């Protein structure tokens, strides 16, 4: 039996807020296999984005265990988690998170430069071409539309050929046409690079393209459904 790419065992997350401690996730257990595409759905506040952040080591679980590529994320410090993400994960956010003082090319090349890759800019150029933005390589985020910025963010997430792609509402800030284009690009890049994809979405259309849909309610897994069901 193959080892899952992502495995959560009784994972919990609680955060301290102004009104006291808030329990966000309650004992989440699930496994995600290599090459699988999983959609996380559910009402606002159900814990979807928090679960994705746990998978990426962007939030530390307050209980349970989280393994990614057979590595225990719950035992890593911030530096180790950052290196693990750099080497194995690509993350796409709803709000793009591009560096405003860098061009599109520089934004895409940054993960490779941090990893010491010598041909970082050549690879970044190729990745921008894959998302149809070769002509925008020297433009800054403020000079691009929202759809173009999200394409740059996708290129940056995929340029290091990550084994795991995490996407948090990747079409949430885009209109219908741009959202559909980003959906096609996201799944196309996943197919091209063979990555495992986990995405948070409110879009039924986007969720329907996934191999499996996990619905969260009140910090718990309410249901899981294969795409064919």
C-alpha atoms as a PDB file:
ATOM      1  CA  UNK A   1       0.000   0.000   0.000  1.00  0.00           C
ATOM      2  CA  UNK A   2       1.376   3.393  -1.019  1.00  0.00           C
ATOM      3  CA  UNK A   3       2.152   6.064   1.552  1.00  0.00           C
ATOM      4  CA  UNK A   4      -0.243   9.015   1.240  1.00  0.00           C
ATOM      5  CA  UNK A   5       1.203  12.351   0.141  1.00  0.00           C
ATOM      6  CA  UNK A   6      -0.730  14.096   2.923  1.00  0.00           C
ATOM      7  CA  UNK A   7      -1.971  12.482   6.121  1.00  0.00           C
ATOM      8  CA  UNK A   8      -3.765  14.109   9.045  1.00  0.00           C
ATOM      9  CA  UNK A   9      -4.535  12.187  12.221  1.00  0.00           C
ATOM     10  CA  UNK A  10      -6.866  13.795  14.748  1.00  0.00           C
ATOM     11  CA  UNK A  11      -5.527  17.255  13.829  1.00  0.00           C
ATOM     12  CA  UNK A  12      -6.911  20.156  15.839  1.00  0.00           C
ATOM     13  CA  UNK A  13      -6.427  23.907  15.604  1.00  0.00           C
ATOM     14  CA  UNK A  14      -7.251  26.495  18.251  1.00  0.00           C
ATOM     15  CA  UNK A  15      -6.292  30.162  18.084  1.00  0.00           C
ATOM     16  CA  UNK A  16      -6.306  32.925  20.684  1.00  0.00           C
ATOM     17  CA  UNK A  17      -8.508  35.875  19.790  1.00  0.00           C
ATOM     18  CA  UNK A  18      -9.783  39.015  21.491  1.00  0.00           C
ATOM     19  CA  UNK A  19     -12.728  37.062  22.914  1.00  0.00           C
ATOM     20  CA  UNK A  20     -10.534  34.210  24.124  1.00  0.00           C
ATOM     21  CA  UNK A  21      -9.517  30.886  22.660  1.00  0.00           C
ATOM     22  CA  UNK A  22     -11.385  29.764  19.546  1.00  0.00           C
ATOM     23  CA  UNK A  23     -11.508  26.121  18.481  1.00  0.00           C
ATOM     24  CA  UNK A  24     -11.390  26.057  14.670  1.00  0.00           C
ATOM     25  CA  UNK A  25     -10.718  22.421  13.708  1.00  0.00           C
ATOM     26  CA  UNK A  26     -11.808  19.429  15.781  1.00  0.00           C
ATOM     27  CA  UNK A  27      -9.946  16.169  15.244  1.00  0.00           C
ATOM     28  CA  UNK A  28      -9.551  16.062  11.454  1.00  0.00           C
ATOM     29  CA  UNK A  29      -8.315  12.737  10.050  1.00  0.00           C
ATOM     30  CA  UNK A  30      -7.838  12.167   6.324  1.00  0.00           C
ATOM     31  CA  UNK A  31      -5.384  10.894   3.718  1.00  0.00           C
ATOM     32  CA  UNK A  32      -4.644  12.285   0.253  1.00  0.00           C
ATOM     33  CA  UNK A  33      -2.885  10.134  -2.318  1.00  0.00           C
ATOM     34  CA  UNK A  34      -0.264  11.047  -4.922  1.00  0.00           C
ATOM     35  CA  UNK A  35      -1.756  12.789  -7.952  1.00  0.00           C
ATOM     36  CA  UNK A  36      -5.175  13.178  -6.349  1.00  0.00           C
ATOM     37  CA  UNK A  37      -7.169  16.390  -6.721  1.00  0.00           C
ATOM     38  CA  UNK A  38      -9.196  17.262  -3.638  1.00  0.00           C
ATOM     39  CA  UNK A  39     -11.673  20.104  -3.214  1.00  0.00           C
ATOM     40  CA  UNK A  40     -12.422  21.493   0.240  1.00  0.00           C
ATOM     41  CA  UNK A  41     -15.901  22.999   0.394  1.00  0.00           C
ATOM     42  CA  UNK A  42     -18.307  24.232   3.062  1.00  0.00           C
ATOM     43  CA  UNK A  43     -19.829  27.430   4.445  1.00  0.00           C
ATOM     44  CA  UNK A  44     -17.723  30.426   5.444  1.00  0.00           C
ATOM     45  CA  UNK A  45     -16.099  29.839   8.810  1.00  0.00           C
ATOM     46  CA  UNK A  46     -16.237  26.049   8.521  1.00  0.00           C
ATOM     47  CA  UNK A  47     -12.434  25.713   8.648  1.00  0.00           C
ATOM     48  CA  UNK A  48     -11.568  25.115   4.983  1.00  0.00           C
ATOM     49  CA  UNK A  49      -8.726  27.620   4.710  1.00  0.00           C
ATOM     50  CA  UNK A  50      -7.443  26.699   8.175  1.00  0.00           C
ATOM     51  CA  UNK A  51      -7.244  23.054   7.128  1.00  0.00           C
ATOM     52  CA  UNK A  52      -5.314  24.028   3.998  1.00  0.00           C
ATOM     53  CA  UNK A  53      -2.931  26.110   6.111  1.00  0.00           C
ATOM     54  CA  UNK A  54      -2.282  23.116   8.363  1.00  0.00           C
ATOM     55  CA  UNK A  55      -1.453  20.991   5.332  1.00  0.00           C
ATOM     56  CA  UNK A  56       1.073  23.590   4.218  1.00  0.00           C
ATOM     57  CA  UNK A  57       2.608  24.130   7.628  1.00  0.00           C
ATOM     58  CA  UNK A  58       1.430  27.742   7.527  1.00  0.00           C
ATOM     59  CA  UNK A  59      -0.435  27.144  10.775  1.00  0.00           C
ATOM     60  CA  UNK A  60       0.801  24.815  13.513  1.00  0.00           C
ATOM     61  CA  UNK A  61      -1.670  22.197  14.709  1.00  0.00           C
ATOM     62  CA  UNK A  62      -2.511  22.414  18.387  1.00  0.00           C
ATOM     63  CA  UNK A  63      -3.121  18.668  18.490  1.00  0.00           C
ATOM     64  CA  UNK A  64      -2.734  15.538  16.397  1.00  0.00           C
ATOM     65  CA  UNK A  65      -0.241  14.808  13.638  1.00  0.00           C
ATOM     66  CA  UNK A  66       0.231  16.079  10.077  1.00  0.00           C
ATOM     67  CA  UNK A  67       2.517  14.254   7.645  1.00  0.00           C
ATOM     68  CA  UNK A  68       3.445  15.511   4.177  1.00  0.00           C
ATOM     69  CA  UNK A  69       5.599  13.315   1.932  1.00  0.00           C
ATOM     70  CA  UNK A  70       6.235  11.126   4.998  1.00  0.00           C
ATOM     71  CA  UNK A  71       7.634  14.080   6.976  1.00  0.00           C
ATOM     72  CA  UNK A  72       6.012  15.099  10.286  1.00  0.00           C
ATOM     73  CA  UNK A  73       5.181  18.796   9.927  1.00  0.00           C
ATOM     74  CA  UNK A  74       4.141  19.035  13.566  1.00  0.00           C
ATOM     75  CA  UNK A  75       7.732  18.494  14.740  1.00  0.00           C
ATOM     76  CA  UNK A  76       9.300  21.136  12.457  1.00  0.00           C
ATOM     77  CA  UNK A  77      10.198  24.695  13.462  1.00  0.00           C
ATOM     78  CA  UNK A  78       9.384  27.682  11.233  1.00  0.00           C
ATOM     79  CA  UNK A  79      12.695  27.541   9.338  1.00  0.00           C
ATOM     80  CA  UNK A  80      12.328  23.835   8.607  1.00  0.00           C
ATOM     81  CA  UNK A  81       8.740  24.337   7.465  1.00  0.00           C
ATOM     82  CA  UNK A  82       9.787  27.172   5.160  1.00  0.00           C
ATOM     83  CA  UNK A  83      12.475  24.976   3.583  1.00  0.00           C
ATOM     84  CA  UNK A  84      10.010  22.103   3.198  1.00  0.00           C
ATOM     85  CA  UNK A  85       7.499  24.347   1.422  1.00  0.00           C
ATOM     86  CA  UNK A  86      10.229  25.783  -0.800  1.00  0.00           C
ATOM     87  CA  UNK A  87      11.358  22.329  -1.879  1.00  0.00           C
ATOM     88  CA  UNK A  88       8.053  20.448  -2.085  1.00  0.00           C
ATOM     89  CA  UNK A  89       5.006  22.727  -2.150  1.00  0.00           C
ATOM     90  CA  UNK A  90       3.415  25.439  -4.219  1.00  0.00           C
ATOM     91  CA  UNK A  91       0.796  27.688  -2.618  1.00  0.00           C
ATOM     92  CA  UNK A  92      -1.709  29.953  -4.387  1.00  0.00           C
ATOM     93  CA  UNK A  93      -3.765  32.477  -2.420  1.00  0.00           C
ATOM     94  CA  UNK A  94      -6.966  34.335  -3.255  1.00  0.00           C
ATOM     95  CA  UNK A  95      -5.203  37.695  -2.911  1.00  0.00           C
ATOM     96  CA  UNK A  96      -2.200  36.751  -5.114  1.00  0.00           C
ATOM     97  CA  UNK A  97       0.511  37.709  -2.556  1.00  0.00           C
ATOM     98  CA  UNK A  98       2.907  38.966  -5.220  1.00  0.00           C
ATOM     99  CA  UNK A  99       5.830  41.172  -4.169  1.00  0.00           C
ATOM    100  CA  UNK A 100       4.833  44.647  -5.458  1.00  0.00           C
ATOM    101  CA  UNK A 101       8.397  45.901  -5.968  1.00  0.00           C
ATOM    102  CA  UNK A 102       9.307  42.947  -8.212  1.00  0.00           C
ATOM    103  CA  UNK A 103       8.410  42.349 -11.853  1.00  0.00           C
ATOM    104  CA  UNK A 104       6.392  39.314 -12.887  1.00  0.00           C
ATOM    105  CA  UNK A 105       9.609  37.555 -13.894  1.00  0.00           C
ATOM    106  CA  UNK A 106      11.319  38.351 -10.597  1.00  0.00           C
ATOM    107  CA  UNK A 107       8.277  37.167  -8.617  1.00  0.00           C
ATOM    108  CA  UNK A 108       8.291  33.814 -10.423  1.00  0.00           C
ATOM    109  CA  UNK A 109      12.068  33.408 -10.181  1.00  0.00           C
ATOM    110  CA  UNK A 110      12.221  34.139  -6.437  1.00  0.00           C
ATOM    111  CA  UNK A 111      11.519  30.571  -5.164  1.00  0.00           C
ATOM    112  CA  UNK A 112      14.238  29.209  -7.454  1.00  0.00           C
ATOM    113  CA  UNK A 113      16.724  31.890  -6.431  1.00  0.00           C
ATOM    114  CA  UNK A 114      16.100  31.093  -2.772  1.00  0.00           C
ATOM    115  CA  UNK A 115      16.805  27.453  -3.549  1.00  0.00           C
ATOM    116  CA  UNK A 116      20.085  28.350  -5.286  1.00  0.00           C
ATOM    117  CA  UNK A 117      18.956  27.342  -8.788  1.00  0.00           C
ATOM    118  CA  UNK A 118      21.400  28.783 -11.331  1.00  0.00           C
ATOM    119  CA  UNK A 119      18.986  29.046 -14.279  1.00  0.00           C
ATOM    120  CA  UNK A 120      16.197  30.579 -12.179  1.00  0.00           C
ATOM    121  CA  UNK A 121      15.315  33.326 -14.658  1.00  0.00           C
ATOM    122  CA  UNK A 122      15.329  31.026 -17.683  1.00  0.00           C
ATOM    123  CA  UNK A 123      12.949  28.662 -15.916  1.00  0.00           C
ATOM    124  CA  UNK A 124      10.805  31.567 -14.749  1.00  0.00           C
ATOM    125  CA  UNK A 125      10.534  32.812 -18.348  1.00  0.00           C
ATOM    126  CA  UNK A 126       9.375  29.355 -19.452  1.00  0.00           C
ATOM    127  CA  UNK A 127       6.787  29.199 -16.674  1.00  0.00           C
ATOM    128  CA  UNK A 128       5.415  32.631 -17.578  1.00  0.00           C
ATOM    129  CA  UNK A 129       5.111  31.412 -21.168  1.00  0.00           C
ATOM    130  CA  UNK A 130       3.095  28.417 -19.912  1.00  0.00           C
ATOM    131  CA  UNK A 131       0.522  30.787 -18.390  1.00  0.00           C
ATOM    132  CA  UNK A 132       0.517  33.074 -21.443  1.00  0.00           C
ATOM    133  CA  UNK A 133       2.361  36.002 -19.888  1.00  0.00           C
ATOM    134  CA  UNK A 134       5.711  36.201 -21.657  1.00  0.00           C
ATOM    135  CA  UNK A 135       4.778  39.725 -22.745  1.00  0.00           C
ATOM    136  CA  UNK A 136       4.264  40.772 -19.113  1.00  0.00           C
ATOM    137  CA  UNK A 137       7.620  39.572 -17.767  1.00  0.00           C
ATOM    138  CA  UNK A 138       8.911  43.088 -17.064  1.00  0.00           C
ATOM    139  CA  UNK A 139       5.643  44.469 -15.645  1.00  0.00           C
ATOM    140  CA  UNK A 140       4.970  45.040 -11.955  1.00  0.00           C
ATOM    141  CA  UNK A 141       1.839  43.681 -10.208  1.00  0.00           C
ATOM    142  CA  UNK A 142       0.241  47.168 -10.142  1.00  0.00           C
ATOM    143  CA  UNK A 143       0.481  47.229 -13.953  1.00  0.00           C
ATOM    144  CA  UNK A 144      -1.439  43.958 -14.361  1.00  0.00           C
ATOM    145  CA  UNK A 145      -5.073  42.948 -14.053  1.00  0.00           C
ATOM    146  CA  UNK A 146      -6.277  40.624 -11.312  1.00  0.00           C
ATOM    147  CA  UNK A 147      -6.409  37.708 -13.727  1.00  0.00           C
ATOM    148  CA  UNK A 148      -2.857  38.375 -14.869  1.00  0.00           C
ATOM    149  CA  UNK A 149      -1.621  38.632 -11.293  1.00  0.00           C
ATOM    150  CA  UNK A 150      -3.187  35.279 -10.454  1.00  0.00           C
ATOM    151  CA  UNK A 151      -1.485  33.758 -13.508  1.00  0.00           C
ATOM    152  CA  UNK A 152       1.837  35.050 -12.201  1.00  0.00           C
ATOM    153  CA  UNK A 153       1.009  33.557  -8.794  1.00  0.00           C
ATOM    154  CA  UNK A 154       0.270  30.201 -10.460  1.00  0.00           C
ATOM    155  CA  UNK A 155       3.543  30.337 -12.374  1.00  0.00           C
ATOM    156  CA  UNK A 156       5.416  31.095  -9.149  1.00  0.00           C
ATOM    157  CA  UNK A 157       3.701  28.204  -7.358  1.00  0.00           C
ATOM    158  CA  UNK A 158       4.579  25.736 -10.120  1.00  0.00           C
ATOM    159  CA  UNK A 159       8.046  26.875 -11.203  1.00  0.00           C
ATOM    160  CA  UNK A 160       9.906  24.643  -8.720  1.00  0.00           C
ATOM    161  CA  UNK A 161       7.875  21.581  -9.817  1.00  0.00           C
ATOM    162  CA  UNK A 162       6.293  20.990  -6.401  1.00  0.00           C
ATOM    163  CA  UNK A 163       4.853  17.607  -5.481  1.00  0.00           C
ATOM    164  CA  UNK A 164       1.979  19.306  -3.645  1.00  0.00           C
ATOM    165  CA  UNK A 165      -0.082  22.274  -4.864  1.00  0.00           C
ATOM    166  CA  UNK A 166      -2.316  24.089  -2.357  1.00  0.00           C
ATOM    167  CA  UNK A 167      -4.793  26.696  -3.592  1.00  0.00           C
ATOM    168  CA  UNK A 168      -6.998  28.851  -1.349  1.00  0.00           C
ATOM    169  CA  UNK A 169      -9.965  30.254  -3.322  1.00  0.00           C
ATOM    170  CA  UNK A 170      -7.786  30.779  -6.424  1.00  0.00           C
ATOM    171  CA  UNK A 171     -10.700  32.255  -8.393  1.00  0.00           C
ATOM    172  CA  UNK A 172     -12.317  34.155  -5.505  1.00  0.00           C
ATOM    173  CA  UNK A 173     -11.181  37.644  -6.571  1.00  0.00           C
ATOM    174  CA  UNK A 174     -11.795  37.172 -10.286  1.00  0.00           C
ATOM    175  CA  UNK A 175     -14.758  37.601 -12.615  1.00  0.00           C
ATOM    176  CA  UNK A 176     -16.314  34.618 -14.361  1.00  0.00           C
ATOM    177  CA  UNK A 177     -14.161  34.631 -17.503  1.00  0.00           C
ATOM    178  CA  UNK A 178     -10.883  35.122 -15.647  1.00  0.00           C
ATOM    179  CA  UNK A 179     -11.938  32.582 -13.028  1.00  0.00           C
ATOM    180  CA  UNK A 180     -12.583  29.956 -15.682  1.00  0.00           C
ATOM    181  CA  UNK A 181      -9.239  30.690 -17.327  1.00  0.00           C
ATOM    182  CA  UNK A 182      -7.423  30.279 -13.998  1.00  0.00           C
ATOM    183  CA  UNK A 183      -9.283  27.009 -13.347  1.00  0.00           C
ATOM    184  CA  UNK A 184      -8.136  25.642 -16.701  1.00  0.00           C
ATOM    185  CA  UNK A 185      -4.563  26.763 -16.056  1.00  0.00           C
ATOM    186  CA  UNK A 186      -4.520  25.315 -12.548  1.00  0.00           C
ATOM    187  CA  UNK A 187      -5.657  21.877 -13.643  1.00  0.00           C
ATOM    188  CA  UNK A 188      -3.467  22.035 -16.746  1.00  0.00           C
ATOM    189  CA  UNK A 189      -0.367  22.781 -14.682  1.00  0.00           C
ATOM    190  CA  UNK A 190      -1.307  20.016 -12.242  1.00  0.00           C
ATOM    191  CA  UNK A 191      -1.632  17.554 -15.123  1.00  0.00           C
ATOM    192  CA  UNK A 192       1.625  18.707 -16.711  1.00  0.00           C
ATOM    193  CA  UNK A 193       3.683  18.436 -13.536  1.00  0.00           C
ATOM    194  CA  UNK A 194       1.840  15.507 -11.895  1.00  0.00           C
ATOM    195  CA  UNK A 195       1.335  17.319  -8.598  1.00  0.00           C
ATOM    196  CA  UNK A 196      -1.201  16.504  -5.923  1.00  0.00           C
ATOM    197  CA  UNK A 197      -3.701  19.376  -5.763  1.00  0.00           C
ATOM    198  CA  UNK A 198      -5.780  20.472  -2.770  1.00  0.00           C
ATOM    199  CA  UNK A 199      -7.969  23.523  -3.215  1.00  0.00           C
ATOM    200  CA  UNK A 200     -10.461  25.503  -1.170  1.00  0.00           C
ATOM    201  CA  UNK A 201     -13.402  26.766  -3.184  1.00  0.00           C
ATOM    202  CA  UNK A 202     -16.961  28.065  -2.974  1.00  0.00           C
ATOM    203  CA  UNK A 203     -17.414  27.211  -6.663  1.00  0.00           C
ATOM    204  CA  UNK A 204     -19.456  24.081  -7.333  1.00  0.00           C
ATOM    205  CA  UNK A 205     -18.074  24.041 -10.870  1.00  0.00           C
ATOM    206  CA  UNK A 206     -14.484  24.024  -9.642  1.00  0.00           C
ATOM    207  CA  UNK A 207     -15.217  21.413  -6.955  1.00  0.00           C
ATOM    208  CA  UNK A 208     -16.832  19.158  -9.576  1.00  0.00           C
ATOM    209  CA  UNK A 209     -13.524  18.972 -11.438  1.00  0.00           C
ATOM    210  CA  UNK A 210     -11.807  17.379  -8.426  1.00  0.00           C
ATOM    211  CA  UNK A 211     -11.370  13.644  -7.858  1.00  0.00           C
ATOM    212  CA  UNK A 212     -12.824  13.976  -4.363  1.00  0.00           C
ATOM    213  CA  UNK A 213     -14.796  16.653  -2.538  1.00  0.00           C
ATOM    214  CA  UNK A 214     -14.527  17.023   1.255  1.00  0.00           C
ATOM    215  CA  UNK A 215     -17.191  19.125   2.931  1.00  0.00           C
ATOM    216  CA  UNK A 216     -16.419  20.822   6.229  1.00  0.00           C
ATOM    217  CA  UNK A 217     -18.955  22.112   8.720  1.00  0.00           C
ATOM    218  CA  UNK A 218     -18.114  23.662  12.091  1.00  0.00           C
ATOM    219  CA  UNK A 219     -14.503  22.479  11.960  1.00  0.00           C
ATOM    220  CA  UNK A 220     -15.400  18.853  11.228  1.00  0.00           C
ATOM    221  CA  UNK A 221     -15.498  16.712   8.088  1.00  0.00           C
ATOM    222  CA  UNK A 222     -19.220  16.448   7.332  1.00  0.00           C
ATOM    223  CA  UNK A 223     -18.914  14.320   4.171  1.00  0.00           C
ATOM    224  CA  UNK A 224     -16.554  13.031   1.502  1.00  0.00           C
ATOM    225  CA  UNK A 225     -17.600  12.265  -2.034  1.00  0.00           C
ATOM    226  CA  UNK A 226     -15.785  10.889  -5.055  1.00  0.00           C
ATOM    227  CA  UNK A 227     -16.278  12.859  -8.248  1.00  0.00           C
ATOM    228  CA  UNK A 228     -18.074   9.991  -9.987  1.00  0.00           C
ATOM    229  CA  UNK A 229     -20.621   9.568  -7.186  1.00  0.00           C
END
